[in-house]
Protein backbone atom coordinates (compact mmCIF):
# COMPACT_ATOMS: atom_id res chain seq x y z
CA MET A 1 101.07 -30.14 68.08
CA THR A 2 99.09 -31.99 70.28
CA ALA A 3 95.43 -33.74 69.61
CA ASN A 4 94.77 -31.29 73.20
CA ASN A 5 95.45 -28.31 71.68
CA PRO A 6 92.51 -26.33 69.61
CA PRO A 7 92.95 -26.78 65.15
CA LEU A 8 96.11 -24.92 64.02
CA GLY A 9 94.97 -22.34 61.34
CA LEU A 10 96.77 -22.53 57.96
CA GLN A 11 98.74 -19.75 59.09
CA ASP A 12 100.07 -21.59 62.02
CA VAL A 13 100.47 -24.26 60.52
CA LEU A 14 103.32 -22.76 57.62
CA ASP A 15 105.10 -21.00 60.76
CA ALA A 16 105.11 -23.49 62.46
CA PHE A 17 106.36 -25.75 59.46
CA MET A 18 108.95 -22.56 59.20
CA MET A 19 110.68 -22.88 62.18
CA GLU A 20 110.83 -26.28 62.06
CA ASP A 21 114.77 -27.80 61.92
CA ASP A 22 114.60 -29.20 59.15
CA HIS A 23 112.46 -28.78 56.01
CA GLY A 24 113.17 -32.32 54.07
CA SER A 25 110.55 -34.85 53.25
CA GLU A 26 109.83 -36.69 56.59
CA VAL A 27 108.80 -33.50 58.12
CA LEU A 28 107.22 -32.57 55.70
CA ALA A 29 105.44 -35.91 56.15
CA ARG A 30 103.79 -35.47 59.10
CA TYR A 31 103.14 -32.11 59.13
CA VAL A 32 100.97 -33.81 56.02
CA ARG A 33 99.53 -36.38 58.03
CA GLU A 34 98.76 -34.13 61.29
CA TYR A 35 97.46 -31.57 58.59
CA PRO A 36 95.63 -33.14 56.14
CA GLN A 37 93.29 -30.33 54.87
CA PHE A 38 95.86 -27.71 54.48
CA ALA A 39 98.19 -30.60 51.89
CA ALA A 40 98.58 -28.74 49.29
CA GLN A 41 100.29 -25.36 50.63
CA LEU A 42 101.80 -27.55 52.61
CA VAL A 43 103.72 -28.97 49.90
CA ASP A 44 103.75 -25.43 48.22
CA PHE A 45 105.72 -23.73 51.36
CA SER A 46 108.14 -26.26 51.63
CA ILE A 47 108.90 -25.80 48.08
CA LEU A 48 109.71 -22.17 48.40
CA ALA A 49 111.60 -22.66 51.62
CA ALA A 50 113.73 -25.10 49.95
CA SER A 51 114.26 -23.25 46.86
CA ASP A 52 117.78 -20.93 47.14
CA ASP A 53 117.43 -17.69 48.13
CA SER A 54 120.97 -16.85 46.39
CA ASP A 55 118.54 -17.13 42.72
CA ASP A 56 117.22 -13.40 43.96
CA GLN A 57 120.52 -12.40 43.28
CA CYS A 58 121.84 -13.45 39.97
CA GLU A 59 121.68 -11.65 37.13
CA LEU A 60 118.82 -12.33 34.59
CA SER A 61 120.52 -14.43 30.95
CA ASP A 62 119.87 -12.74 27.66
CA ILE A 63 117.30 -15.17 27.59
CA ASP A 64 115.28 -14.21 30.93
CA ARG A 65 115.20 -10.94 29.10
CA SER A 66 114.54 -11.86 25.97
CA ARG A 67 111.87 -13.13 27.21
CA ILE A 68 110.20 -10.55 29.90
CA ASP A 69 110.23 -7.98 26.86
CA ALA A 70 109.22 -10.16 25.45
CA ALA A 71 105.71 -11.13 27.81
CA TRP A 72 105.51 -7.06 28.37
CA ILE A 73 104.62 -6.66 25.20
CA ALA A 74 102.76 -9.21 24.69
CA PHE A 75 100.56 -7.28 28.15
CA SER A 76 100.76 -4.34 27.04
CA ALA A 77 99.36 -5.34 23.01
CA ILE A 78 95.71 -5.90 25.01
CA ASP A 79 93.88 -3.50 23.95
CA THR A 80 91.39 -2.35 27.80
CA ASN A 81 90.92 1.51 26.69
CA ASP A 82 89.90 0.18 22.89
CA THR A 83 92.97 2.12 21.85
CA PRO A 84 94.62 0.67 18.72
CA VAL A 85 98.02 -0.59 20.02
CA SER A 86 101.02 -0.24 17.01
CA ASP A 87 102.00 -3.48 14.80
CA PRO A 88 105.82 -2.33 15.14
CA LEU A 89 106.39 -4.91 11.81
CA ALA A 90 103.65 -2.75 9.77
CA LYS A 91 106.59 -0.56 9.16
CA LEU A 92 108.35 -2.84 6.37
CA THR A 93 107.60 -1.35 3.69
CA GLY A 94 109.49 1.25 1.69
CA GLU A 95 112.75 1.11 2.34
CA LYS A 96 113.18 -0.27 5.56
CA GLY A 97 110.87 -3.53 3.78
CA ARG A 98 114.22 -3.33 1.00
CA SER A 99 116.58 -2.81 3.50
CA VAL A 100 116.20 -5.91 5.77
CA ALA A 101 115.56 -7.65 1.44
CA HIS A 102 119.28 -6.97 0.85
CA THR A 103 120.32 -7.14 4.52
CA LEU A 104 119.35 -10.61 4.18
CA GLY A 105 119.64 -11.10 0.88
CA VAL A 106 116.22 -12.53 0.76
CA PRO A 107 113.54 -11.24 -1.69
CA ARG A 108 110.94 -8.73 -0.45
CA GLN A 109 107.85 -11.16 -0.62
CA VAL A 110 109.96 -12.73 2.35
CA VAL A 111 110.23 -9.78 3.81
CA THR A 112 105.82 -9.35 3.68
CA CYS A 113 105.40 -12.57 5.54
CA PHE A 114 107.04 -11.01 8.12
CA ARG A 115 104.81 -7.53 7.51
CA GLU A 116 101.90 -9.90 7.30
CA HIS A 117 102.97 -12.13 10.65
CA LYS A 118 102.71 -15.10 8.12
CA VAL A 119 105.98 -16.71 9.84
CA ILE A 120 106.38 -18.91 13.29
CA ALA A 121 108.49 -16.92 15.63
CA THR A 122 110.28 -19.94 16.54
CA SER A 123 111.13 -21.21 13.54
CA VAL A 124 113.36 -18.05 12.61
CA PRO A 125 117.20 -18.18 13.63
CA ASP A 126 118.30 -15.32 16.15
CA ASP A 127 120.97 -13.14 14.23
CA VAL A 128 117.68 -12.80 11.40
CA LEU A 129 114.96 -11.53 14.36
CA GLN A 130 117.94 -8.94 15.09
CA VAL A 131 118.57 -7.42 11.66
CA PHE A 132 114.47 -6.59 11.44
CA ALA A 133 115.42 -6.14 15.16
CA ASP A 134 118.46 -3.23 14.34
CA GLU A 135 115.79 -1.40 10.63
CA LEU A 136 112.92 -1.40 13.73
CA GLN A 137 115.25 -0.44 16.30
CA ILE A 138 112.95 -2.51 19.06
CA PRO A 139 115.12 -5.15 20.65
CA MET A 140 114.12 -8.91 19.38
CA ALA A 141 112.22 -9.30 21.58
CA TYR A 142 109.92 -7.44 20.67
CA VAL A 143 110.04 -8.50 16.94
CA ILE A 144 109.22 -11.87 18.30
CA ALA A 145 106.04 -10.18 20.45
CA ALA A 146 104.85 -8.96 17.39
CA MET A 147 105.03 -12.10 15.18
CA ASN A 148 103.24 -13.84 17.80
CA GLN A 149 100.29 -11.32 17.39
CA SER A 150 97.45 -11.18 15.30
CA PHE A 151 97.17 -7.40 14.67
CA SER A 152 93.44 -5.83 13.57
CA GLY A 153 93.85 -4.29 10.47
CA PHE A 154 97.94 -4.59 9.95
CA GLY A 155 98.90 -3.43 6.58
CA GLY A 156 99.16 -6.75 5.10
CA ARG A 157 97.79 -7.18 1.55
CA GLN A 158 94.43 -6.80 0.99
CA PHE A 159 92.44 -8.35 -3.13
CA LYS A 160 88.89 -9.49 -3.85
CA ALA A 161 88.40 -13.47 -2.38
CA ASP A 162 87.23 -15.80 -3.66
CA GLY A 163 85.64 -17.83 -1.28
CA LYS A 164 84.96 -16.94 2.52
CA PRO A 165 87.91 -14.92 4.44
CA SER A 166 89.75 -17.12 7.12
CA ALA A 167 92.46 -16.21 9.26
CA GLY A 168 95.65 -17.05 7.58
CA GLU A 169 97.92 -19.34 8.72
CA GLN A 170 101.65 -19.11 9.81
CA VAL A 171 104.38 -21.24 8.14
CA SER A 172 107.94 -21.65 9.45
CA PHE A 173 110.73 -19.46 8.12
CA GLU A 174 112.13 -22.30 5.82
CA GLN A 175 108.89 -23.28 3.87
CA VAL A 176 108.88 -19.09 3.17
CA LEU A 177 111.89 -19.13 1.99
CA ILE A 178 111.33 -22.09 -0.27
CA ASP A 179 107.79 -20.63 -1.66
CA ALA A 180 109.93 -17.13 -2.65
CA GLY A 181 112.39 -19.45 -4.22
CA VAL A 182 115.35 -18.98 -2.76
CA SER A 183 118.20 -21.08 -3.45
CA GLU A 184 118.82 -24.84 -1.74
CA ALA A 185 122.77 -22.38 -0.60
CA ASP A 186 121.37 -19.28 0.45
CA ARG A 187 118.33 -21.24 2.75
CA SER A 188 121.01 -22.98 4.79
CA ARG A 189 122.72 -19.84 5.05
CA LEU A 190 119.63 -18.37 6.51
CA LEU A 191 118.72 -21.28 8.78
CA SER A 192 122.34 -21.71 10.10
CA ARG A 193 122.54 -18.20 11.28
CA GLY A 194 123.16 -17.95 14.90
CA GLU A 195 124.58 -21.88 15.65
């Protein structure tokens, strides 16, 4: 790395850095001073070199699997062929809706709010989400992903509008329970599930 050598390309610099015995901050600082044009790449590469490879061998946690499943569902929901995407929450009608309402001990209007994507997914305890997943026979991550998607033409109720149509805002699970007239004791029971 003397001034007499021809300038090195990015790959040569990264190779030389990787061959160093130590990838610590002093070596990184030296490389950044000598090759300032590659400073960002060197920093990124040093972080990668310093990361523990044992993470690659670890089992994924349930949370990680759930996040991956949710991301995959969201990715799969991207309409690239103008093919309508199925909304699993739209199936919460009839017997399925009654079953979820009975299992949770809530009025059916709470289930309708889920079907119409009016509930913020992060405000719902995992045990409650699992009830929906079990009834729909899909992973809980799919329920979460569906709640976070806006499906055009979903099976929501339709009424004549008094004003301009607007996208309905999502509300917390607790607010849905309050609006449905669920008692404070039942709200407490439902909101503390999974804790």
